[in-house]
Amino acid sequence: MEPIADTPVGAQRTTSERYRQFAEVETDSSPRYRDLALGVAEDSTVCRLIDRLPVPRRQVNLVFAAARYRGAPMESYRAFRDWMLVNWPAVEHVARTRTTQTNEAARCAVLLPVLTRIAADAPGRPLALIEVGASAGLCLQPHRYSYRYGGGARIDPADGPSPVLLDCAVDGPAPVPTTIPSVAWRAGVDLNPLDVNSSDDIDWLDALIWPEHDDRRARLRAAVRIARHDPPHIVRGDLNEALPTLMASAPQDATLVVFHTAVLAYLPADARERFVQTMDQQPVRWISNEGVHVTPGVAGRLGDERPDPGDFVIALDGEPVAFAQPHGRWLHWLREQPERIRG
């Protein structure tokens, strides 16, 4: 699906404009995707093919992943274009039946410091985690990964070093964690949960990783191997409909945390507002990690601080606390931290 709120609400773009903006704003770490997106932006024939899809499914990441999933060459735009003209029906089928469900385990590196803060607010209580838009649930096991912040000391799970080590650059006034909070219970909700034991689903997650990101590809496979030992419980359904039941299922002796990353942008405005109202009314801690215009109320609380285009804003209980790289590579704490965050 095309994110509805990745730009200010109401912005309408042609396919050419959408692919050009993607190339100019989001592809610093992928020269191949930049070249392909710019090529599509200038190619009326390929744009017409993409325009056969419903508007929400013309998203660059979805179309490029569908092509990669079907074996498209990525080395040059000419080779990509020639392949697309022959194989478009197969690409179109994938784009109509799959969704962008990037399940980047490294996002746990920017979530862990906030989880640690929450755990410190309730000493002696483990965390219970609910992820909204959980995909295959790889971000529902932050307690099973190892971490290293700013090149400092390695932080390992209680049972020893993890085969997944998440390196994260960090700056700003807030401290980085030195331990990993205890997690007693995990659950997730997704419109189309992916199965860590399905080779097709894992191949789709692999296709969603950008061509040059070999470190992410290796991390995906390692995180999947960990998850297969104890897959999290993920229910299929609309997040606003399924969330109340999931929250009621959480253990009462744990601190319940609801979190999401790059999810609310896919919801219409009324569904986002409904979700935020639920978070405000329930006795839970809430971490959002979304684009600046996505989570209602967050942009207005940023004051003079603004992220660069493409950066995410991490908010705790609706209050912005940090900017983050969307795939968890770095965390920038805001200068002004809220004096009191709802507990």
C-alpha atoms as a PDB file:
ATOM      1  CA  MET A   1       0.000   0.000   0.000  1.00  0.00           C
ATOM      2  CA  GLU A   2       1.020   3.603  -0.559  1.00  0.00           C
ATOM      3  CA  PRO A   3       1.521   5.417   2.740  1.00  0.00           C
ATOM      4  CA  ILE A   4      -1.321   7.911   3.064  1.00  0.00           C
ATOM      5  CA  ALA A   5       0.481  10.247   5.426  1.00  0.00           C
ATOM      6  CA  ASP A   6       4.112  10.182   4.353  1.00  0.00           C
ATOM      7  CA  THR A   7       3.619  13.797   3.225  1.00  0.00           C
ATOM      8  CA  PRO A   8       1.196  16.405   4.552  1.00  0.00           C
ATOM      9  CA  VAL A   9      -2.370  15.221   4.105  1.00  0.00           C
ATOM     10  CA  GLY A  10      -3.878  16.154   0.764  1.00  0.00           C
ATOM     11  CA  ALA A  11      -0.718  15.968  -1.324  1.00  0.00           C
ATOM     12  CA  GLN A  12      -1.509  14.233  -4.618  1.00  0.00           C
ATOM     13  CA  ARG A  13       1.290  13.092  -6.904  1.00  0.00           C
ATOM     14  CA  THR A  14       1.557  11.444 -10.274  1.00  0.00           C
ATOM     15  CA  THR A  15       3.509   8.208 -10.558  1.00  0.00           C
ATOM     16  CA  SER A  16       6.384  10.109 -12.140  1.00  0.00           C
ATOM     17  CA  GLU A  17       6.412  12.640  -9.302  1.00  0.00           C
ATOM     18  CA  ARG A  18       6.178   9.928  -6.655  1.00  0.00           C
ATOM     19  CA  TYR A  19       9.172   8.021  -8.060  1.00  0.00           C
ATOM     20  CA  ARG A  20      11.224  11.197  -8.504  1.00  0.00           C
ATOM     21  CA  GLN A  21      10.565  12.276  -4.918  1.00  0.00           C
ATOM     22  CA  PHE A  22      11.520   8.824  -3.675  1.00  0.00           C
ATOM     23  CA  ALA A  23      14.816   9.039  -5.597  1.00  0.00           C
ATOM     24  CA  GLU A  24      15.604  12.512  -4.278  1.00  0.00           C
ATOM     25  CA  VAL A  25      14.607  11.998  -0.628  1.00  0.00           C
ATOM     26  CA  GLU A  26      14.900   8.336   0.370  1.00  0.00           C
ATOM     27  CA  THR A  27      17.710   6.669  -1.563  1.00  0.00           C
ATOM     28  CA  ASP A  28      20.931   7.929   0.033  1.00  0.00           C
ATOM     29  CA  SER A  29      21.802   4.340   0.947  1.00  0.00           C
ATOM     30  CA  SER A  30      20.762   2.773  -2.363  1.00  0.00           C
ATOM     31  CA  PRO A  31      22.248   4.166  -5.600  1.00  0.00           C
ATOM     32  CA  ARG A  32      20.566   1.345  -7.533  1.00  0.00           C
ATOM     33  CA  TYR A  33      17.097   2.253  -6.308  1.00  0.00           C
ATOM     34  CA  ARG A  34      17.846   5.929  -6.962  1.00  0.00           C
ATOM     35  CA  ASP A  35      18.776   5.153 -10.567  1.00  0.00           C
ATOM     36  CA  LEU A  36      15.773   2.884 -11.058  1.00  0.00           C
ATOM     37  CA  ALA A  37      13.349   5.388  -9.537  1.00  0.00           C
ATOM     38  CA  LEU A  38      14.713   8.230 -11.662  1.00  0.00           C
ATOM     39  CA  GLY A  39      14.462   5.969 -14.697  1.00  0.00           C
ATOM     40  CA  VAL A  40      10.820   5.190 -13.990  1.00  0.00           C
ATOM     41  CA  ALA A  41      10.093   8.879 -13.401  1.00  0.00           C
ATOM     42  CA  GLU A  42      11.286   9.661 -16.965  1.00  0.00           C
ATOM     43  CA  ASP A  43       9.678   6.593 -18.594  1.00  0.00           C
ATOM     44  CA  SER A  44       6.062   7.117 -19.619  1.00  0.00           C
ATOM     45  CA  THR A  45       5.731   3.502 -20.774  1.00  0.00           C
ATOM     46  CA  VAL A  46       6.680   2.019 -17.398  1.00  0.00           C
ATOM     47  CA  CYS A  47       4.616   4.671 -15.595  1.00  0.00           C
ATOM     48  CA  ARG A  48       1.577   3.569 -17.592  1.00  0.00           C
ATOM     49  CA  LEU A  49       2.163  -0.025 -16.477  1.00  0.00           C
ATOM     50  CA  ILE A  50       2.383   1.028 -12.838  1.00  0.00           C
ATOM     51  CA  ASP A  51      -0.738   3.148 -13.264  1.00  0.00           C
ATOM     52  CA  ARG A  52      -2.698  -0.041 -13.913  1.00  0.00           C
ATOM     53  CA  LEU A  53      -2.394  -0.689 -10.201  1.00  0.00           C
ATOM     54  CA  PRO A  54      -4.736   0.933  -7.672  1.00  0.00           C
ATOM     55  CA  VAL A  55      -3.185   4.151  -6.384  1.00  0.00           C
ATOM     56  CA  PRO A  56      -2.272   2.680  -2.960  1.00  0.00           C
ATOM     57  CA  ARG A  57      -0.288  -0.077  -4.703  1.00  0.00           C
ATOM     58  CA  ARG A  58       1.891   2.124  -6.892  1.00  0.00           C
ATOM     59  CA  GLN A  59       4.285   2.673  -3.985  1.00  0.00           C
ATOM     60  CA  VAL A  60       7.916   2.520  -5.050  1.00  0.00           C
ATOM     61  CA  ASN A  61       8.996   0.017  -2.415  1.00  0.00           C
ATOM     62  CA  LEU A  62       6.109  -2.298  -3.260  1.00  0.00           C
ATOM     63  CA  VAL A  63       6.629  -2.263  -7.028  1.00  0.00           C
ATOM     64  CA  PHE A  64      10.405  -2.638  -6.796  1.00  0.00           C
ATOM     65  CA  ALA A  65      10.085  -5.443  -4.227  1.00  0.00           C
ATOM     66  CA  ALA A  66       7.519  -7.222  -6.401  1.00  0.00           C
ATOM     67  CA  ALA A  67       9.943  -7.022  -9.318  1.00  0.00           C
ATOM     68  CA  ARG A  68      12.853  -8.301  -7.207  1.00  0.00           C
ATOM     69  CA  TYR A  69      10.648 -11.102  -5.851  1.00  0.00           C
ATOM     70  CA  ARG A  70      10.060 -12.224  -9.457  1.00  0.00           C
ATOM     71  CA  GLY A  71      13.746 -11.976 -10.376  1.00  0.00           C
ATOM     72  CA  ALA A  72      14.137  -8.554 -12.021  1.00  0.00           C
ATOM     73  CA  PRO A  73      17.716  -7.445 -12.745  1.00  0.00           C
ATOM     74  CA  MET A  74      18.739  -4.383 -10.746  1.00  0.00           C
ATOM     75  CA  GLU A  75      22.137  -3.595 -12.292  1.00  0.00           C
ATOM     76  CA  SER A  76      20.914  -0.956 -14.750  1.00  0.00           C
ATOM     77  CA  TYR A  77      17.697   0.800 -15.644  1.00  0.00           C
ATOM     78  CA  ARG A  78      17.828  -0.495 -19.230  1.00  0.00           C
ATOM     79  CA  ALA A  79      17.978  -4.128 -18.071  1.00  0.00           C
ATOM     80  CA  PHE A  80      15.269  -3.474 -15.455  1.00  0.00           C
ATOM     81  CA  ARG A  81      13.005  -1.783 -18.019  1.00  0.00           C
ATOM     82  CA  ASP A  82      13.404  -4.536 -20.630  1.00  0.00           C
ATOM     83  CA  TRP A  83      12.590  -7.171 -18.001  1.00  0.00           C
ATOM     84  CA  MET A  84       9.569  -5.222 -16.696  1.00  0.00           C
ATOM     85  CA  LEU A  85       8.026  -4.878 -20.147  1.00  0.00           C
ATOM     86  CA  VAL A  86       8.099  -8.663 -20.576  1.00  0.00           C
ATOM     87  CA  ASN A  87       7.260  -9.688 -17.017  1.00  0.00           C
ATOM     88  CA  TRP A  88       4.821  -6.995 -15.905  1.00  0.00           C
ATOM     89  CA  PRO A  89       1.850  -9.409 -15.379  1.00  0.00           C
ATOM     90  CA  ALA A  90       3.851 -11.348 -12.762  1.00  0.00           C
ATOM     91  CA  VAL A  91       4.958  -8.116 -11.061  1.00  0.00           C
ATOM     92  CA  GLU A  92       1.413  -6.762 -11.093  1.00  0.00           C
ATOM     93  CA  HIS A  93       0.082  -9.930  -9.449  1.00  0.00           C
ATOM     94  CA  VAL A  94       2.580  -9.670  -6.597  1.00  0.00           C
ATOM     95  CA  ALA A  95       1.933  -5.938  -6.149  1.00  0.00           C
ATOM     96  CA  ARG A  96      -1.810  -6.614  -5.916  1.00  0.00           C
ATOM     97  CA  THR A  97      -1.516  -9.495  -3.449  1.00  0.00           C
ATOM     98  CA  ARG A  98       1.432  -8.514  -1.242  1.00  0.00           C
ATOM     99  CA  THR A  99       2.058  -5.399   0.874  1.00  0.00           C
ATOM    100  CA  THR A 100       5.132  -3.562   2.111  1.00  0.00           C
ATOM    101  CA  GLN A 101       5.787  -5.295   5.428  1.00  0.00           C
ATOM    102  CA  THR A 102       9.456  -4.511   5.966  1.00  0.00           C
ATOM    103  CA  ASN A 103      10.324  -6.288   9.196  1.00  0.00           C
ATOM    104  CA  GLU A 104      13.693  -4.731  10.055  1.00  0.00           C
ATOM    105  CA  ALA A 105      14.956  -6.167  13.328  1.00  0.00           C
ATOM    106  CA  ALA A 106      17.473  -3.299  13.654  1.00  0.00           C
ATOM    107  CA  ARG A 107      14.584  -0.992  14.543  1.00  0.00           C
ATOM    108  CA  CYS A 108      14.781  -2.582  17.973  1.00  0.00           C
ATOM    109  CA  ALA A 109      17.999  -0.592  18.471  1.00  0.00           C
ATOM    110  CA  VAL A 110      16.088   2.713  18.476  1.00  0.00           C
ATOM    111  CA  LEU A 111      13.197   1.249  20.465  1.00  0.00           C
ATOM    112  CA  LEU A 112      15.291  -0.360  23.226  1.00  0.00           C
ATOM    113  CA  PRO A 113      16.367   2.907  24.926  1.00  0.00           C
ATOM    114  CA  VAL A 114      12.715   3.919  25.215  1.00  0.00           C
ATOM    115  CA  LEU A 115      11.725   0.471  26.472  1.00  0.00           C
ATOM    116  CA  THR A 116      14.497   0.754  29.053  1.00  0.00           C
ATOM    117  CA  ARG A 117      13.116   4.113  30.183  1.00  0.00           C
ATOM    118  CA  ILE A 118       9.654   2.572  30.568  1.00  0.00           C
ATOM    119  CA  ALA A 119      11.045  -0.360  32.561  1.00  0.00           C
ATOM    120  CA  ALA A 120      12.880   2.053  34.870  1.00  0.00           C
ATOM    121  CA  ASP A 121       9.578   3.792  35.636  1.00  0.00           C
ATOM    122  CA  ALA A 122       8.210   0.524  37.068  1.00  0.00           C
ATOM    123  CA  PRO A 123      11.110  -1.295  38.782  1.00  0.00           C
ATOM    124  CA  GLY A 124      10.653  -5.021  39.211  1.00  0.00           C
ATOM    125  CA  ARG A 125       7.920  -5.336  36.599  1.00  0.00           C
ATOM    126  CA  PRO A 126       8.634  -7.064  33.272  1.00  0.00           C
ATOM    127  CA  LEU A 127       7.373  -5.660  29.994  1.00  0.00           C
ATOM    128  CA  ALA A 128       4.478  -7.000  27.937  1.00  0.00           C
ATOM    129  CA  LEU A 129       4.769  -5.983  24.288  1.00  0.00           C
ATOM    130  CA  ILE A 130       2.133  -5.486  21.605  1.00  0.00           C
ATOM    131  CA  GLU A 131       3.340  -4.476  18.154  1.00  0.00           C
ATOM    132  CA  VAL A 132       0.869  -2.864  15.780  1.00  0.00           C
ATOM    133  CA  GLY A 133       1.687  -3.873  12.208  1.00  0.00           C
ATOM    134  CA  ALA A 134       3.908  -6.715  13.364  1.00  0.00           C
ATOM    135  CA  SER A 135       4.573  -8.390   9.994  1.00  0.00           C
ATOM    136  CA  ALA A 136       6.517 -11.558  10.969  1.00  0.00           C
ATOM    137  CA  GLY A 137       7.176 -10.311  14.514  1.00  0.00           C
ATOM    138  CA  LEU A 138      10.936  -9.797  14.272  1.00  0.00           C
ATOM    139  CA  CYS A 139      10.684  -6.565  16.291  1.00  0.00           C
ATOM    140  CA  LEU A 140       8.828  -8.445  19.031  1.00  0.00           C
ATOM    141  CA  GLN A 141      12.051  -9.980  20.322  1.00  0.00           C
ATOM    142  CA  PRO A 142      14.199  -7.012  21.437  1.00  0.00           C
ATOM    143  CA  HIS A 143      15.296  -9.067  24.455  1.00  0.00           C
ATOM    144  CA  ARG A 144      16.888 -11.672  22.150  1.00  0.00           C
ATOM    145  CA  TYR A 145      19.261  -9.368  20.283  1.00  0.00           C
ATOM    146  CA  SER A 146      22.617  -7.886  21.268  1.00  0.00           C
ATOM    147  CA  TYR A 147      23.268  -4.132  20.967  1.00  0.00           C
ATOM    148  CA  ARG A 148      26.137  -1.683  20.664  1.00  0.00           C
ATOM    149  CA  TYR A 149      25.541   2.073  20.835  1.00  0.00           C
ATOM    150  CA  GLY A 150      28.019   4.567  19.412  1.00  0.00           C
ATOM    151  CA  GLY A 151      30.788   1.991  19.333  1.00  0.00           C
ATOM    152  CA  GLY A 152      30.527   1.411  23.085  1.00  0.00           C
ATOM    153  CA  ALA A 153      30.293  -1.760  25.107  1.00  0.00           C
ATOM    154  CA  ARG A 154      28.222  -4.640  23.803  1.00  0.00           C
ATOM    155  CA  ILE A 155      24.907  -5.287  25.593  1.00  0.00           C
ATOM    156  CA  ASP A 156      23.804  -8.916  25.500  1.00  0.00           C
ATOM    157  CA  PRO A 157      20.602 -10.747  26.462  1.00  0.00           C
ATOM    158  CA  ALA A 158      20.407 -12.430  29.846  1.00  0.00           C
ATOM    159  CA  ASP A 159      21.140 -15.847  28.314  1.00  0.00           C
ATOM    160  CA  GLY A 160      24.273 -14.714  26.476  1.00  0.00           C
ATOM    161  CA  PRO A 161      25.402 -13.059  23.234  1.00  0.00           C
ATOM    162  CA  SER A 162      22.917 -13.104  20.366  1.00  0.00           C
ATOM    163  CA  PRO A 163      23.820 -13.975  16.763  1.00  0.00           C
ATOM    164  CA  VAL A 164      22.070 -10.690  15.900  1.00  0.00           C
ATOM    165  CA  LEU A 165      24.184  -7.687  16.947  1.00  0.00           C
ATOM    166  CA  LEU A 166      22.540  -4.306  16.334  1.00  0.00           C
ATOM    167  CA  ASP A 167      24.936  -1.371  15.973  1.00  0.00           C
ATOM    168  CA  CYS A 168      23.355   2.051  16.393  1.00  0.00           C
ATOM    169  CA  ALA A 169      24.952   5.489  16.286  1.00  0.00           C
ATOM    170  CA  VAL A 170      23.541   7.795  18.951  1.00  0.00           C
ATOM    171  CA  ASP A 171      23.799  11.415  20.025  1.00  0.00           C
ATOM    172  CA  GLY A 172      21.912  13.853  22.209  1.00  0.00           C
ATOM    173  CA  PRO A 173      21.295  14.283  25.931  1.00  0.00           C
ATOM    174  CA  ALA A 174      19.601  11.029  26.926  1.00  0.00           C
ATOM    175  CA  PRO A 175      21.660   8.011  28.087  1.00  0.00           C
ATOM    176  CA  VAL A 176      21.889   4.757  26.181  1.00  0.00           C
ATOM    177  CA  PRO A 177      20.848   1.515  27.874  1.00  0.00           C
ATOM    178  CA  THR A 178      23.282  -0.718  29.716  1.00  0.00           C
ATOM    179  CA  THR A 179      20.878  -3.628  30.192  1.00  0.00           C
ATOM    180  CA  ILE A 180      17.968  -5.201  28.328  1.00  0.00           C
ATOM    181  CA  PRO A 181      14.569  -5.143  30.066  1.00  0.00           C
ATOM    182  CA  SER A 182      12.812  -8.404  30.855  1.00  0.00           C
ATOM    183  CA  VAL A 183       9.974  -9.260  28.461  1.00  0.00           C
ATOM    184  CA  ALA A 184       7.296 -11.538  29.896  1.00  0.00           C
ATOM    185  CA  TRP A 185       4.745 -11.580  27.060  1.00  0.00           C
ATOM    186  CA  ARG A 186       4.525 -10.603  23.388  1.00  0.00           C
ATOM    187  CA  ALA A 187       1.776 -10.275  20.809  1.00  0.00           C
ATOM    188  CA  GLY A 188       1.127  -8.467  17.560  1.00  0.00           C
ATOM    189  CA  VAL A 189      -1.577  -7.560  15.088  1.00  0.00           C
ATOM    190  CA  ASP A 190      -1.320  -7.278  11.315  1.00  0.00           C
ATOM    191  CA  LEU A 191      -3.751  -7.281   8.399  1.00  0.00           C
ATOM    192  CA  ASN A 192      -1.636 -10.007   6.821  1.00  0.00           C
ATOM    193  CA  PRO A 193       0.736 -11.647   9.318  1.00  0.00           C
ATOM    194  CA  LEU A 194       3.805 -13.289   7.841  1.00  0.00           C
ATOM    195  CA  ASP A 195       4.984 -16.686   9.027  1.00  0.00           C
ATOM    196  CA  VAL A 196       8.633 -17.083  10.018  1.00  0.00           C
ATOM    197  CA  ASN A 197       8.329 -20.760   9.055  1.00  0.00           C
ATOM    198  CA  SER A 198       7.164 -19.959   5.495  1.00  0.00           C
ATOM    199  CA  SER A 199       9.961 -19.774   2.939  1.00  0.00           C
ATOM    200  CA  ASP A 200       7.733 -17.723   0.604  1.00  0.00           C
ATOM    201  CA  ASP A 201       7.031 -15.155   3.315  1.00  0.00           C
ATOM    202  CA  ILE A 202      10.709 -14.868   4.215  1.00  0.00           C
ATOM    203  CA  ASP A 203      11.629 -14.531   0.535  1.00  0.00           C
ATOM    204  CA  TRP A 204       9.152 -11.650   0.346  1.00  0.00           C
ATOM    205  CA  LEU A 205      10.772  -9.967   3.353  1.00  0.00           C
ATOM    206  CA  ASP A 206      14.123 -10.472   1.601  1.00  0.00           C
ATOM    207  CA  ALA A 207      12.776  -8.827  -1.565  1.00  0.00           C
ATOM    208  CA  LEU A 208      11.723  -5.783   0.466  1.00  0.00           C
ATOM    209  CA  ILE A 209      15.354  -5.177   1.482  1.00  0.00           C
ATOM    210  CA  TRP A 210      17.100  -2.768  -0.875  1.00  0.00           C
ATOM    211  CA  PRO A 211      19.710  -4.271  -3.233  1.00  0.00           C
ATOM    212  CA  GLU A 212      22.911  -2.969  -1.588  1.00  0.00           C
ATOM    213  CA  HIS A 213      21.816  -3.730   1.987  1.00  0.00           C
ATOM    214  CA  ASP A 214      23.562  -7.069   2.417  1.00  0.00           C
ATOM    215  CA  ASP A 215      23.949  -6.494   6.168  1.00  0.00           C
ATOM    216  CA  ARG A 216      20.173  -6.202   6.500  1.00  0.00           C
ATOM    217  CA  ARG A 217      19.694  -9.346   4.432  1.00  0.00           C
ATOM    218  CA  ALA A 218      22.007 -11.356   6.699  1.00  0.00           C
ATOM    219  CA  ARG A 219      20.334  -9.885   9.784  1.00  0.00           C
ATOM    220  CA  LEU A 220      16.900 -10.876   8.486  1.00  0.00           C
ATOM    221  CA  ARG A 221      17.924 -14.517   8.143  1.00  0.00           C
ATOM    222  CA  ALA A 222      19.552 -14.573  11.592  1.00  0.00           C
ATOM    223  CA  ALA A 223      16.533 -12.935  13.249  1.00  0.00           C
ATOM    224  CA  VAL A 224      14.216 -15.408  11.539  1.00  0.00           C
ATOM    225  CA  ARG A 225      16.232 -18.319  12.923  1.00  0.00           C
ATOM    226  CA  ILE A 226      15.833 -16.881  16.433  1.00  0.00           C
ATOM    227  CA  ALA A 227      12.095 -16.299  15.981  1.00  0.00           C
ATOM    228  CA  ARG A 228      11.484 -19.846  14.772  1.00  0.00           C
ATOM    229  CA  HIS A 229      12.378 -21.171  18.239  1.00  0.00           C
ATOM    230  CA  ASP A 230       9.533 -19.203  19.836  1.00  0.00           C
ATOM    231  CA  PRO A 231       7.383 -17.303  17.328  1.00  0.00           C
ATOM    232  CA  PRO A 232       5.335 -14.449  18.818  1.00  0.00           C
ATOM    233  CA  HIS A 233       1.553 -14.608  18.796  1.00  0.00           C
ATOM    234  CA  ILE A 234       0.296 -12.428  15.926  1.00  0.00           C
ATOM    235  CA  VAL A 235      -3.407 -12.044  15.183  1.00  0.00           C
ATOM    236  CA  ARG A 236      -4.822 -11.193  11.786  1.00  0.00           C
ATOM    237  CA  GLY A 237      -7.033  -8.128  11.716  1.00  0.00           C
ATOM    238  CA  ASP A 238      -7.515  -4.396  11.701  1.00  0.00           C
ATOM    239  CA  LEU A 239      -5.438  -2.807  14.443  1.00  0.00           C
ATOM    240  CA  ASN A 240      -8.285  -0.721  15.856  1.00  0.00           C
ATOM    241  CA  GLU A 241     -10.592  -3.732  16.002  1.00  0.00           C
ATOM    242  CA  ALA A 242      -8.084  -6.274  17.330  1.00  0.00           C
ATOM    243  CA  LEU A 243      -6.151  -4.123  19.791  1.00  0.00           C
ATOM    244  CA  PRO A 244      -8.649  -4.033  22.704  1.00  0.00           C
ATOM    245  CA  THR A 245      -8.780  -7.834  22.918  1.00  0.00           C
ATOM    246  CA  LEU A 246      -4.999  -8.120  22.716  1.00  0.00           C
ATOM    247  CA  MET A 247      -4.506  -5.531  25.449  1.00  0.00           C
ATOM    248  CA  ALA A 248      -6.971  -7.371  27.692  1.00  0.00           C
ATOM    249  CA  SER A 249      -4.936 -10.577  27.188  1.00  0.00           C
ATOM    250  CA  ALA A 250      -1.705  -9.110  28.549  1.00  0.00           C
ATOM    251  CA  PRO A 251      -0.567 -10.230  32.020  1.00  0.00           C
ATOM    252  CA  GLN A 252      -1.644  -7.854  34.759  1.00  0.00           C
ATOM    253  CA  ASP A 253       1.688  -7.983  36.579  1.00  0.00           C
ATOM    254  CA  ALA A 254       3.605  -6.592  33.575  1.00  0.00           C
ATOM    255  CA  THR A 255       3.935  -3.078  32.149  1.00  0.00           C
ATOM    256  CA  LEU A 256       2.049  -3.124  28.850  1.00  0.00           C
ATOM    257  CA  VAL A 257       3.758  -1.334  25.940  1.00  0.00           C
ATOM    258  CA  VAL A 258       2.099  -0.806  22.550  1.00  0.00           C
ATOM    259  CA  PHE A 259       4.522   0.184  19.784  1.00  0.00           C
ATOM    260  CA  HIS A 260       4.642   0.620  16.025  1.00  0.00           C
ATOM    261  CA  THR A 261       7.110   1.647  13.312  1.00  0.00           C
ATOM    262  CA  ALA A 262       6.168   2.868   9.816  1.00  0.00           C
ATOM    263  CA  VAL A 263       2.592   1.637  10.226  1.00  0.00           C
ATOM    264  CA  LEU A 264       0.170   4.500  10.818  1.00  0.00           C
ATOM    265  CA  ALA A 265       1.061   6.073   7.463  1.00  0.00           C
ATOM    266  CA  TYR A 266      -0.985   3.316   5.825  1.00  0.00           C
ATOM    267  CA  LEU A 267      -4.168   4.274   7.697  1.00  0.00           C
ATOM    268  CA  PRO A 268      -6.664   6.978   6.728  1.00  0.00           C
ATOM    269  CA  ALA A 269      -6.837  10.015   8.994  1.00  0.00           C
ATOM    270  CA  ASP A 270      -9.930   8.899  10.918  1.00  0.00           C
ATOM    271  CA  ALA A 271      -8.365   5.504  11.725  1.00  0.00           C
ATOM    272  CA  ARG A 272      -5.165   7.184  12.950  1.00  0.00           C
ATOM    273  CA  GLU A 273      -7.184   9.517  15.170  1.00  0.00           C
ATOM    274  CA  ARG A 274      -9.137   6.587  16.569  1.00  0.00           C
ATOM    275  CA  PHE A 275      -5.936   4.730  17.371  1.00  0.00           C
ATOM    276  CA  VAL A 276      -4.415   7.732  19.161  1.00  0.00           C
ATOM    277  CA  GLN A 277      -7.595   8.175  21.215  1.00  0.00           C
ATOM    278  CA  THR A 278      -7.346   4.525  22.276  1.00  0.00           C
ATOM    279  CA  MET A 279      -3.734   5.011  23.350  1.00  0.00           C
ATOM    280  CA  ASP A 280      -4.673   8.128  25.328  1.00  0.00           C
ATOM    281  CA  GLN A 281      -7.513   6.356  27.138  1.00  0.00           C
ATOM    282  CA  GLN A 282      -5.854   3.043  28.010  1.00  0.00           C
ATOM    283  CA  PRO A 283      -3.429   2.375  30.905  1.00  0.00           C
ATOM    284  CA  VAL A 284      -0.574   1.476  28.564  1.00  0.00           C
ATOM    285  CA  ARG A 285       2.765   2.964  27.528  1.00  0.00           C
ATOM    286  CA  TRP A 286       2.894   3.854  23.867  1.00  0.00           C
ATOM    287  CA  ILE A 287       5.896   4.174  21.535  1.00  0.00           C
ATOM    288  CA  SER A 288       5.386   5.548  18.029  1.00  0.00           C
ATOM    289  CA  ASN A 289       8.185   5.586  15.448  1.00  0.00           C
ATOM    290  CA  GLU A 290       6.779   7.239  12.346  1.00  0.00           C
ATOM    291  CA  GLY A 291       7.269  10.027   9.823  1.00  0.00           C
ATOM    292  CA  VAL A 292       6.924  13.544  11.158  1.00  0.00           C
ATOM    293  CA  HIS A 293       3.421  14.108   9.739  1.00  0.00           C
ATOM    294  CA  VAL A 294       2.021  10.679  10.588  1.00  0.00           C
ATOM    295  CA  THR A 295       1.122  10.323  14.278  1.00  0.00           C
ATOM    296  CA  PRO A 296      -1.560  12.894  15.142  1.00  0.00           C
ATOM    297  CA  GLY A 297      -0.315  15.510  17.583  1.00  0.00           C
ATOM    298  CA  VAL A 298       3.399  14.697  17.423  1.00  0.00           C
ATOM    299  CA  ALA A 299       4.540  17.257  14.826  1.00  0.00           C
ATOM    300  CA  GLY A 300       2.946  20.079  16.810  1.00  0.00           C
ATOM    301  CA  ARG A 301       5.020  19.170  19.878  1.00  0.00           C
ATOM    302  CA  LEU A 302       8.415  19.291  18.169  1.00  0.00           C
ATOM    303  CA  GLY A 303       8.979  22.988  18.838  1.00  0.00           C
ATOM    304  CA  ASP A 304      11.950  24.310  16.876  1.00  0.00           C
ATOM    305  CA  GLU A 305      13.431  20.867  16.184  1.00  0.00           C
ATOM    306  CA  ARG A 306      12.705  19.334  12.819  1.00  0.00           C
ATOM    307  CA  PRO A 307      13.987  16.081  11.314  1.00  0.00           C
ATOM    308  CA  ASP A 308      15.513  15.903   7.868  1.00  0.00           C
ATOM    309  CA  PRO A 309      13.247  14.592   5.093  1.00  0.00           C
ATOM    310  CA  GLY A 310      12.822  10.851   5.489  1.00  0.00           C
ATOM    311  CA  ASP A 311      13.737  10.731   9.192  1.00  0.00           C
ATOM    312  CA  PHE A 312      11.339   9.274  11.760  1.00  0.00           C
ATOM    313  CA  VAL A 313      10.164  10.791  15.029  1.00  0.00           C
ATOM    314  CA  ILE A 314      10.052   8.563  18.112  1.00  0.00           C
ATOM    315  CA  ALA A 315       7.403   9.617  20.613  1.00  0.00           C
ATOM    316  CA  LEU A 316       6.673   8.180  24.048  1.00  0.00           C
ATOM    317  CA  ASP A 317       3.048   8.541  25.114  1.00  0.00           C
ATOM    318  CA  GLY A 318       2.614  11.122  22.363  1.00  0.00           C
ATOM    319  CA  GLU A 319       5.627  13.258  23.375  1.00  0.00           C
ATOM    320  CA  PRO A 320       8.537  13.427  20.869  1.00  0.00           C
ATOM    321  CA  VAL A 321      11.800  12.185  22.402  1.00  0.00           C
ATOM    322  CA  ALA A 322      14.084  11.412  19.455  1.00  0.00           C
ATOM    323  CA  PHE A 323      14.641  11.341  15.718  1.00  0.00           C
ATOM    324  CA  ALA A 324      15.620   7.993  14.176  1.00  0.00           C
ATOM    325  CA  GLN A 325      16.850   6.532  10.930  1.00  0.00           C
ATOM    326  CA  PRO A 326      13.937   4.456   9.580  1.00  0.00           C
ATOM    327  CA  HIS A 327      15.930   1.200   9.603  1.00  0.00           C
ATOM    328  CA  GLY A 328      17.444   1.727  13.053  1.00  0.00           C
ATOM    329  CA  ARG A 329      20.948   2.832  12.044  1.00  0.00           C
ATOM    330  CA  TRP A 330      21.028   5.916  14.289  1.00  0.00           C
ATOM    331  CA  LEU A 331      19.169   7.660  17.091  1.00  0.00           C
ATOM    332  CA  HIS A 332      19.240  11.385  17.835  1.00  0.00           C
ATOM    333  CA  TRP A 333      17.772  12.392  21.198  1.00  0.00           C
ATOM    334  CA  LEU A 334      15.956  15.721  21.224  1.00  0.00           C
ATOM    335  CA  ARG A 335      17.528  18.517  23.258  1.00  0.00           C
ATOM    336  CA  GLU A 336      14.382  19.093  25.299  1.00  0.00           C
ATOM    337  CA  GLN A 337      13.098  15.919  26.945  1.00  0.00           C
ATOM    338  CA  PRO A 338       9.595  15.965  28.490  1.00  0.00           C
ATOM    339  CA  GLU A 339       9.753  16.656  32.237  1.00  0.00           C
ATOM    340  CA  ARG A 340       7.081  14.096  32.893  1.00  0.00           C
ATOM    341  CA  ILE A 341       5.812  11.417  30.555  1.00  0.00           C
ATOM    342  CA  ARG A 342       2.552   9.712  31.383  1.00  0.00           C
ATOM    343  CA  GLY A 343       2.975   6.433  33.243  1.00  0.00           C
END
